[in-house]
């Protein structure tokens, strides 16, 4: 019996402590440029703050509307990103096609320059050899100007 009375007394004491702490005040102060929360006033400018959580009704319809709006925005952003990705891939494919065409053109110019240089080396007539060397030099210059960016 004594144990029951003791347990009841402890329960009442516990409830009193909880009730006292529930009514405790919290103060917000500025200390050293920082915001500090305390159960005592830090200075004369301390502001009492209500420590209870905000009370209010949860509006399921408004939450559903916000979720739907968020989903629409996310879907729009994903569509925009897919469009940008497709444009980047198309641009890269176009650049690759241009590089391939330029590489083929450079191969043709290189072959032409080699043929002209070879032909100029086989000619015995000085006038004709000079003309062929000029053509070979022009072909080498064309090759350099057209293919200098390919490396």
N, C-alpha and C. Protein backbone atom coordinates (compact mmCIF):
# COMPACT_ATOMS: atom_id res chain seq x y z
N UNK A 1 0.82 -1.18 0.00
CA UNK A 1 0.00 0.00 0.00
C UNK A 1 0.87 1.25 0.00
N UNK A 2 1.91 1.19 0.75
CA UNK A 2 2.82 2.30 0.88
C UNK A 2 3.47 2.61 -0.48
N UNK A 3 3.75 1.60 -1.25
CA UNK A 3 4.36 1.76 -2.57
C UNK A 3 3.41 2.48 -3.51
N UNK A 4 2.13 2.18 -3.42
CA UNK A 4 1.15 2.84 -4.26
C UNK A 4 1.07 4.32 -3.94
N UNK A 5 1.06 4.68 -2.68
CA UNK A 5 1.01 6.08 -2.28
C UNK A 5 2.26 6.81 -2.77
N UNK A 6 3.39 6.14 -2.65
CA UNK A 6 4.64 6.73 -3.10
C UNK A 6 4.61 6.96 -4.62
N UNK A 7 4.07 6.00 -5.38
CA UNK A 7 3.99 6.11 -6.84
C UNK A 7 3.07 7.25 -7.25
N UNK A 8 1.96 7.38 -6.51
CA UNK A 8 1.01 8.47 -6.81
C UNK A 8 1.66 9.81 -6.53
N UNK A 9 2.36 9.91 -5.41
CA UNK A 9 3.05 11.16 -5.06
C UNK A 9 4.08 11.52 -6.12
N UNK A 10 4.83 10.54 -6.61
CA UNK A 10 5.84 10.79 -7.64
C UNK A 10 5.18 11.23 -8.95
N UNK A 11 4.04 10.63 -9.28
CA UNK A 11 3.34 11.00 -10.50
C UNK A 11 2.84 12.44 -10.42
N UNK A 12 2.30 12.81 -9.27
CA UNK A 12 1.81 14.18 -9.09
C UNK A 12 2.98 15.16 -9.17
N UNK A 13 4.09 14.83 -8.52
CA UNK A 13 5.27 15.68 -8.56
C UNK A 13 5.78 15.83 -10.00
N UNK A 14 5.78 14.74 -10.75
CA UNK A 14 6.20 14.79 -12.16
C UNK A 14 5.29 15.68 -12.98
N UNK A 15 3.98 15.58 -12.75
CA UNK A 15 3.04 16.44 -13.46
C UNK A 15 3.25 17.91 -13.13
N UNK A 16 3.55 18.20 -11.90
CA UNK A 16 3.81 19.58 -11.50
C UNK A 16 5.06 20.13 -12.18
N UNK A 17 6.10 19.32 -12.29
CA UNK A 17 7.34 19.75 -12.95
C UNK A 17 7.07 20.01 -14.43
N UNK A 18 6.33 19.10 -15.07
CA UNK A 18 6.01 19.27 -16.49
C UNK A 18 5.15 20.52 -16.69
N UNK A 19 4.19 20.73 -15.86
CA UNK A 19 3.32 21.90 -15.97
C UNK A 19 4.12 23.18 -15.75
N UNK A 20 5.06 23.17 -14.83
CA UNK A 20 5.88 24.36 -14.57
C UNK A 20 6.77 24.66 -15.76
N UNK A 21 7.35 23.62 -16.35
CA UNK A 21 8.24 23.86 -17.49
C UNK A 21 7.45 24.29 -18.72
N UNK A 22 6.19 23.88 -18.83
CA UNK A 22 5.37 24.27 -19.96
C UNK A 22 5.04 25.75 -19.92
N UNK A 23 5.00 26.33 -18.75
CA UNK A 23 4.71 27.75 -18.61
C UNK A 23 5.97 28.60 -18.56
N UNK A 24 7.13 28.02 -18.69
CA UNK A 24 8.38 28.78 -18.63
C UNK A 24 8.46 29.75 -19.79
N UNK A 25 9.06 30.90 -19.55
CA UNK A 25 9.22 31.89 -20.60
C UNK A 25 10.56 31.70 -21.28
N UNK A 26 10.59 32.04 -22.57
CA UNK A 26 11.83 32.01 -23.35
C UNK A 26 12.06 33.42 -23.85
N UNK A 27 13.31 33.86 -23.75
CA UNK A 27 13.67 35.21 -24.19
C UNK A 27 14.66 35.11 -25.34
N UNK A 28 14.51 36.05 -26.28
CA UNK A 28 15.45 36.14 -27.41
C UNK A 28 16.27 37.40 -27.20
N UNK A 29 17.60 37.25 -27.22
CA UNK A 29 18.49 38.37 -26.97
C UNK A 29 19.56 38.41 -28.06
N UNK A 30 20.18 39.56 -28.21
CA UNK A 30 21.34 39.72 -29.09
C UNK A 30 22.56 39.77 -28.18
N UNK A 31 23.46 38.81 -28.32
CA UNK A 31 24.66 38.77 -27.49
C UNK A 31 25.86 38.56 -28.40
N UNK A 32 26.73 39.55 -28.47
CA UNK A 32 27.93 39.41 -29.30
C UNK A 32 27.62 39.30 -30.77
N UNK A 33 26.55 39.94 -31.24
CA UNK A 33 26.17 39.89 -32.64
C UNK A 33 25.44 38.61 -33.03
N UNK A 34 25.13 37.77 -32.09
CA UNK A 34 24.42 36.52 -32.36
C UNK A 34 23.10 36.51 -31.61
N UNK A 35 22.11 35.82 -32.16
CA UNK A 35 20.83 35.68 -31.50
C UNK A 35 20.91 34.51 -30.53
N UNK A 36 20.51 34.77 -29.29
CA UNK A 36 20.58 33.76 -28.23
C UNK A 36 19.20 33.61 -27.62
N UNK A 37 18.78 32.36 -27.35
CA UNK A 37 17.53 32.08 -26.67
C UNK A 37 17.86 31.59 -25.26
N UNK A 38 17.17 32.15 -24.29
CA UNK A 38 17.48 31.80 -22.90
C UNK A 38 16.21 31.83 -22.06
N UNK A 39 16.27 31.19 -20.87
CA UNK A 39 15.14 31.25 -19.96
C UNK A 39 15.23 32.47 -19.04
N UNK A 40 16.31 33.24 -19.15
CA UNK A 40 16.50 34.47 -18.37
C UNK A 40 16.75 35.62 -19.32
N UNK A 41 16.41 36.82 -18.91
CA UNK A 41 16.67 38.00 -19.72
C UNK A 41 18.18 38.22 -19.81
N UNK A 42 18.68 38.39 -21.02
CA UNK A 42 20.11 38.62 -21.22
C UNK A 42 20.44 40.10 -21.01
N UNK A 43 19.54 40.95 -21.51
CA UNK A 43 19.73 42.39 -21.38
C UNK A 43 18.36 43.06 -21.37
N UNK A 44 18.35 44.36 -21.38
CA UNK A 44 17.09 45.10 -21.30
C UNK A 44 16.26 44.96 -22.57
N UNK A 45 16.92 44.67 -23.69
CA UNK A 45 16.21 44.57 -24.96
C UNK A 45 15.69 43.15 -25.24
N UNK A 46 15.77 42.26 -24.28
CA UNK A 46 15.32 40.88 -24.48
C UNK A 46 13.83 40.85 -24.80
N UNK A 47 13.47 40.01 -25.74
CA UNK A 47 12.08 39.89 -26.19
C UNK A 47 11.55 38.53 -25.78
N UNK A 48 10.37 38.51 -25.16
CA UNK A 48 9.75 37.25 -24.77
C UNK A 48 9.20 36.57 -26.02
N UNK A 49 9.47 35.27 -26.15
CA UNK A 49 9.05 34.50 -27.31
C UNK A 49 8.13 33.40 -26.82
N UNK A 50 7.08 33.14 -27.61
CA UNK A 50 6.17 32.06 -27.26
C UNK A 50 6.78 30.74 -27.73
N UNK A 51 7.15 29.84 -26.82
CA UNK A 51 7.84 28.61 -27.22
C UNK A 51 6.92 27.52 -27.76
N UNK A 52 5.63 27.76 -27.73
CA UNK A 52 4.72 26.72 -28.21
C UNK A 52 4.78 26.63 -29.73
N UNK A 53 4.59 25.46 -30.27
CA UNK A 53 4.59 25.33 -31.73
C UNK A 53 3.40 26.07 -32.32
N UNK A 54 3.54 26.49 -33.54
CA UNK A 54 2.47 27.21 -34.21
C UNK A 54 1.25 26.31 -34.33
N UNK A 55 0.11 26.87 -34.03
CA UNK A 55 -1.13 26.11 -34.12
C UNK A 55 -1.84 26.51 -35.40
N UNK A 56 -2.48 25.60 -36.01
CA UNK A 56 -3.22 25.90 -37.22
C UNK A 56 -3.76 24.63 -37.82
N UNK A 57 -4.68 24.80 -38.73
CA UNK A 57 -5.27 23.64 -39.38
C UNK A 57 -4.49 23.33 -40.64
N UNK A 58 -4.32 22.08 -40.91
CA UNK A 58 -3.66 21.63 -42.12
C UNK A 58 -4.71 21.56 -43.22
N UNK A 59 -4.50 22.31 -44.27
CA UNK A 59 -5.46 22.36 -45.37
C UNK A 59 -5.02 21.37 -46.45
N UNK A 60 -5.67 20.22 -46.48
CA UNK A 60 -5.28 19.17 -47.42
C UNK A 60 -5.49 19.61 -48.87
N UNK A 61 -6.54 20.35 -49.15
CA UNK A 61 -6.81 20.79 -50.52
C UNK A 61 -5.71 21.73 -51.00
N UNK A 62 -5.29 22.66 -50.13
CA UNK A 62 -4.22 23.58 -50.50
C UNK A 62 -2.91 22.83 -50.69
N UNK A 63 -2.65 21.85 -49.83
CA UNK A 63 -1.43 21.06 -49.95
C UNK A 63 -1.44 20.27 -51.26
N UNK A 64 -2.59 19.71 -51.61
CA UNK A 64 -2.71 18.95 -52.85
C UNK A 64 -2.50 19.88 -54.06
N UNK A 65 -3.05 21.09 -53.97
CA UNK A 65 -2.88 22.06 -55.06
C UNK A 65 -1.40 22.44 -55.21
N UNK A 66 -0.71 22.65 -54.07
CA UNK A 66 0.73 22.97 -54.12
C UNK A 66 1.52 21.80 -54.70
N UNK A 67 1.17 20.58 -54.31
CA UNK A 67 1.85 19.40 -54.85
C UNK A 67 1.64 19.29 -56.36
N UNK A 68 0.41 19.55 -56.80
CA UNK A 68 0.11 19.48 -58.24
C UNK A 68 0.89 20.56 -58.99
N UNK A 69 0.93 21.75 -58.43
CA UNK A 69 1.68 22.84 -59.06
C UNK A 69 3.17 22.49 -59.13
N UNK A 70 3.70 21.95 -58.04
CA UNK A 70 5.11 21.54 -58.02
C UNK A 70 5.37 20.48 -59.08
N UNK A 71 4.46 19.53 -59.21
CA UNK A 71 4.62 18.48 -60.22
C UNK A 71 4.60 19.06 -61.63
N UNK A 72 3.69 20.02 -61.88
CA UNK A 72 3.64 20.66 -63.20
C UNK A 72 4.93 21.42 -63.49
N UNK A 73 5.42 22.14 -62.51
CA UNK A 73 6.66 22.90 -62.70
C UNK A 73 7.82 21.94 -62.95
N UNK A 74 7.90 20.88 -62.15
CA UNK A 74 8.98 19.90 -62.32
C UNK A 74 8.90 19.25 -63.71
N UNK A 75 7.71 18.91 -64.16
CA UNK A 75 7.55 18.30 -65.49
C UNK A 75 7.98 19.28 -66.58
N UNK A 76 7.64 20.55 -66.41
CA UNK A 76 8.06 21.56 -67.38
C UNK A 76 9.57 21.72 -67.41
N UNK A 77 10.18 21.73 -66.23
CA UNK A 77 11.64 21.84 -66.16
C UNK A 77 12.32 20.63 -66.79
N UNK A 78 11.77 19.45 -66.55
CA UNK A 78 12.35 18.25 -67.14
C UNK A 78 12.20 18.26 -68.66
N UNK A 79 11.06 18.76 -69.16
CA UNK A 79 10.86 18.86 -70.60
C UNK A 79 11.85 19.86 -71.20
N UNK A 80 12.04 20.99 -70.52
CA UNK A 80 13.01 21.99 -71.00
C UNK A 80 14.41 21.40 -71.03
N UNK A 81 14.77 20.65 -69.99
CA UNK A 81 16.10 20.04 -69.94
C UNK A 81 16.26 19.02 -71.06
N UNK A 82 15.22 18.23 -71.33
CA UNK A 82 15.29 17.25 -72.42
C UNK A 82 15.46 17.97 -73.77
N UNK A 83 14.77 19.08 -73.94
CA UNK A 83 14.88 19.86 -75.17
C UNK A 83 16.30 20.41 -75.33
N UNK A 84 16.86 20.95 -74.24
CA UNK A 84 18.23 21.48 -74.29
C UNK A 84 19.23 20.35 -74.59
N UNK A 85 19.01 19.20 -73.97
CA UNK A 85 19.91 18.06 -74.19
C UNK A 85 19.85 17.64 -75.66
N UNK A 86 18.65 17.57 -76.24
CA UNK A 86 18.50 17.19 -77.64
C UNK A 86 19.18 18.21 -78.55
N UNK A 87 19.04 19.50 -78.22
CA UNK A 87 19.69 20.54 -79.02
C UNK A 87 21.21 20.42 -78.94
N UNK A 88 21.73 20.14 -77.73
CA UNK A 88 23.19 19.97 -77.58
C UNK A 88 23.68 18.78 -78.39
N UNK A 89 22.92 17.68 -78.33
CA UNK A 89 23.33 16.48 -79.07
C UNK A 89 23.28 16.73 -80.58
N UNK A 90 22.26 17.46 -81.05
CA UNK A 90 22.16 17.77 -82.48
C UNK A 90 23.32 18.67 -82.91
N UNK A 91 23.65 19.66 -82.07
CA UNK A 91 24.76 20.55 -82.39
C UNK A 91 26.08 19.78 -82.43
N UNK A 92 26.27 18.87 -81.49
CA UNK A 92 27.49 18.06 -81.46
C UNK A 92 27.56 17.16 -82.69
N UNK A 93 26.44 16.57 -83.09
CA UNK A 93 26.42 15.73 -84.29
C UNK A 93 26.75 16.56 -85.52
N UNK A 94 26.23 17.78 -85.58
CA UNK A 94 26.51 18.66 -86.70
C UNK A 94 28.00 19.02 -86.74
N UNK A 95 28.59 19.33 -85.56
CA UNK A 95 30.02 19.64 -85.51
C UNK A 95 30.86 18.45 -85.95
N UNK A 96 30.45 17.26 -85.52
CA UNK A 96 31.19 16.05 -85.93
C UNK A 96 31.11 15.84 -87.44
N UNK A 97 29.94 16.10 -88.02
CA UNK A 97 29.78 15.96 -89.47
C UNK A 97 30.66 16.97 -90.19
N UNK A 98 30.70 18.20 -89.68
CA UNK A 98 31.56 19.23 -90.28
C UNK A 98 33.03 18.84 -90.17
N UNK A 99 33.44 18.31 -89.00
CA UNK A 99 34.83 17.87 -88.84
C UNK A 99 35.17 16.75 -89.82
N UNK A 100 34.24 15.82 -89.99
CA UNK A 100 34.46 14.72 -90.93
C UNK A 100 34.60 15.23 -92.35
N UNK A 101 33.73 16.18 -92.75
CA UNK A 101 33.81 16.75 -94.09
C UNK A 101 35.12 17.50 -94.27
N UNK A 102 35.54 18.24 -93.24
CA UNK A 102 36.80 18.98 -93.33
C UNK A 102 37.98 18.01 -93.41
N UNK A 103 37.93 16.92 -92.66
CA UNK A 103 39.00 15.92 -92.72
C UNK A 103 39.09 15.30 -94.11
N UNK A 104 37.94 15.01 -94.72
CA UNK A 104 37.95 14.46 -96.09
C UNK A 104 38.52 15.47 -97.08
N UNK A 105 38.11 16.73 -96.92
CA UNK A 105 38.62 17.80 -97.80
C UNK A 105 40.14 17.93 -97.64
N UNK A 106 40.63 17.85 -96.41
CA UNK A 106 42.07 17.95 -96.16
C UNK A 106 42.81 16.76 -96.78
N UNK A 107 42.22 15.60 -96.70
CA UNK A 107 42.85 14.43 -97.32
C UNK A 107 42.96 14.63 -98.82
N UNK A 108 41.91 15.15 -99.45
CA UNK A 108 41.95 15.41 -100.89
C UNK A 108 43.02 16.44 -101.23
N UNK A 109 43.08 17.53 -100.44
CA UNK A 109 44.09 18.57 -100.69
C UNK A 109 45.50 18.03 -100.49
N UNK A 110 45.70 17.20 -99.46
CA UNK A 110 47.01 16.62 -99.19
C UNK A 110 47.45 15.73 -100.36
N UNK A 111 46.52 14.92 -100.86
CA UNK A 111 46.82 14.05 -102.00
C UNK A 111 47.18 14.89 -103.23
N UNK A 112 46.41 15.94 -103.48
CA UNK A 112 46.68 16.81 -104.63
C UNK A 112 48.04 17.48 -104.51
N UNK A 113 48.38 17.99 -103.31
CA UNK A 113 49.68 18.63 -103.11
C UNK A 113 50.81 17.63 -103.33
N UNK A 114 50.65 16.39 -102.87
CA UNK A 114 51.69 15.37 -103.07
C UNK A 114 51.85 15.02 -104.55
N UNK A 115 50.71 14.89 -105.24
CA UNK A 115 50.76 14.58 -106.68
C UNK A 115 51.46 15.69 -107.46
N UNK A 116 51.12 16.95 -107.14
CA UNK A 116 51.74 18.07 -107.86
C UNK A 116 53.23 18.16 -107.57
N UNK A 117 53.62 17.93 -106.32
CA UNK A 117 55.05 17.97 -105.98
C UNK A 117 55.79 16.84 -106.68
N UNK A 118 55.18 15.66 -106.73
CA UNK A 118 55.80 14.53 -107.42
C UNK A 118 55.92 14.80 -108.91
N UNK A 119 54.89 15.36 -109.52
CA UNK A 119 54.91 15.68 -110.94
C UNK A 119 55.98 16.73 -111.24
N UNK A 120 56.08 17.75 -110.37
CA UNK A 120 57.07 18.82 -110.58
C UNK A 120 58.48 18.25 -110.51
N UNK A 121 58.70 17.26 -109.67
CA UNK A 121 60.03 16.67 -109.52
C UNK A 121 60.42 15.84 -110.75
N UNK A 122 59.46 15.32 -111.50
CA UNK A 122 59.75 14.48 -112.67
C UNK A 122 59.93 15.27 -113.96
N UNK A 123 59.61 16.55 -113.97
CA UNK A 123 59.66 17.34 -115.22
C UNK A 123 61.09 17.84 -115.44
N UNK A 124 61.57 17.70 -116.71
CA UNK A 124 62.93 18.10 -117.06
C UNK A 124 62.99 19.54 -117.56
N UNK A 125 61.93 20.00 -118.21
CA UNK A 125 61.92 21.35 -118.77
C UNK A 125 61.86 22.37 -117.64
N UNK A 126 62.81 23.30 -117.53
CA UNK A 126 62.85 24.25 -116.41
C UNK A 126 61.61 25.13 -116.31
N UNK A 127 61.09 25.62 -117.45
CA UNK A 127 59.90 26.48 -117.40
C UNK A 127 58.69 25.72 -116.87
N UNK A 128 58.48 24.54 -117.45
CA UNK A 128 57.35 23.71 -117.00
C UNK A 128 57.53 23.28 -115.55
N UNK A 129 58.74 22.94 -115.15
CA UNK A 129 59.02 22.51 -113.78
C UNK A 129 58.72 23.66 -112.80
N UNK A 130 59.09 24.90 -113.18
CA UNK A 130 58.80 26.06 -112.33
C UNK A 130 57.29 26.24 -112.18
N UNK A 131 56.54 26.12 -113.28
CA UNK A 131 55.08 26.23 -113.21
C UNK A 131 54.49 25.14 -112.32
N UNK A 132 54.96 23.92 -112.45
CA UNK A 132 54.45 22.81 -111.65
C UNK A 132 54.82 22.99 -110.17
N UNK A 133 56.04 23.49 -109.89
CA UNK A 133 56.43 23.76 -108.50
C UNK A 133 55.55 24.86 -107.90
N UNK A 134 55.19 25.87 -108.73
CA UNK A 134 54.30 26.94 -108.26
C UNK A 134 52.93 26.35 -107.93
N UNK A 135 52.44 25.44 -108.79
CA UNK A 135 51.15 24.79 -108.52
C UNK A 135 51.24 23.95 -107.24
N UNK A 136 52.36 23.23 -107.06
CA UNK A 136 52.54 22.41 -105.87
C UNK A 136 52.61 23.28 -104.61
N UNK A 137 53.31 24.43 -104.73
CA UNK A 137 53.40 25.36 -103.59
C UNK A 137 52.02 25.92 -103.26
N UNK A 138 51.26 26.29 -104.31
CA UNK A 138 49.90 26.80 -104.09
C UNK A 138 49.02 25.74 -103.43
N UNK A 139 49.15 24.49 -103.87
CA UNK A 139 48.36 23.40 -103.28
C UNK A 139 48.76 23.19 -101.82
N UNK A 140 50.05 23.30 -101.49
CA UNK A 140 50.51 23.16 -100.11
C UNK A 140 49.96 24.30 -99.26
N UNK A 141 49.96 25.52 -99.81
CA UNK A 141 49.38 26.66 -99.08
C UNK A 141 47.89 26.46 -98.85
N UNK A 142 47.17 26.01 -99.88
CA UNK A 142 45.73 25.73 -99.73
C UNK A 142 45.50 24.69 -98.64
N UNK A 143 46.34 23.67 -98.63
CA UNK A 143 46.24 22.62 -97.61
C UNK A 143 46.45 23.21 -96.22
N UNK A 144 47.46 24.05 -96.07
CA UNK A 144 47.75 24.63 -94.76
C UNK A 144 46.58 25.50 -94.30
N UNK A 145 46.08 26.39 -95.18
CA UNK A 145 45.00 27.30 -94.79
C UNK A 145 43.70 26.54 -94.49
N UNK A 146 43.42 25.52 -95.24
CA UNK A 146 42.17 24.78 -95.05
C UNK A 146 42.24 23.84 -93.85
N UNK A 147 43.44 23.36 -93.51
CA UNK A 147 43.51 22.28 -92.52
C UNK A 147 44.30 22.66 -91.27
N UNK A 148 44.59 23.92 -91.07
CA UNK A 148 45.40 24.32 -89.91
C UNK A 148 44.71 24.07 -88.59
N UNK A 149 43.37 24.01 -88.57
CA UNK A 149 42.65 23.80 -87.31
C UNK A 149 42.51 22.33 -86.95
N UNK A 150 42.78 21.44 -87.88
CA UNK A 150 42.63 20.00 -87.58
C UNK A 150 43.79 19.46 -86.77
N UNK A 151 44.91 20.10 -86.81
CA UNK A 151 46.06 19.66 -86.01
C UNK A 151 46.79 18.62 -86.67
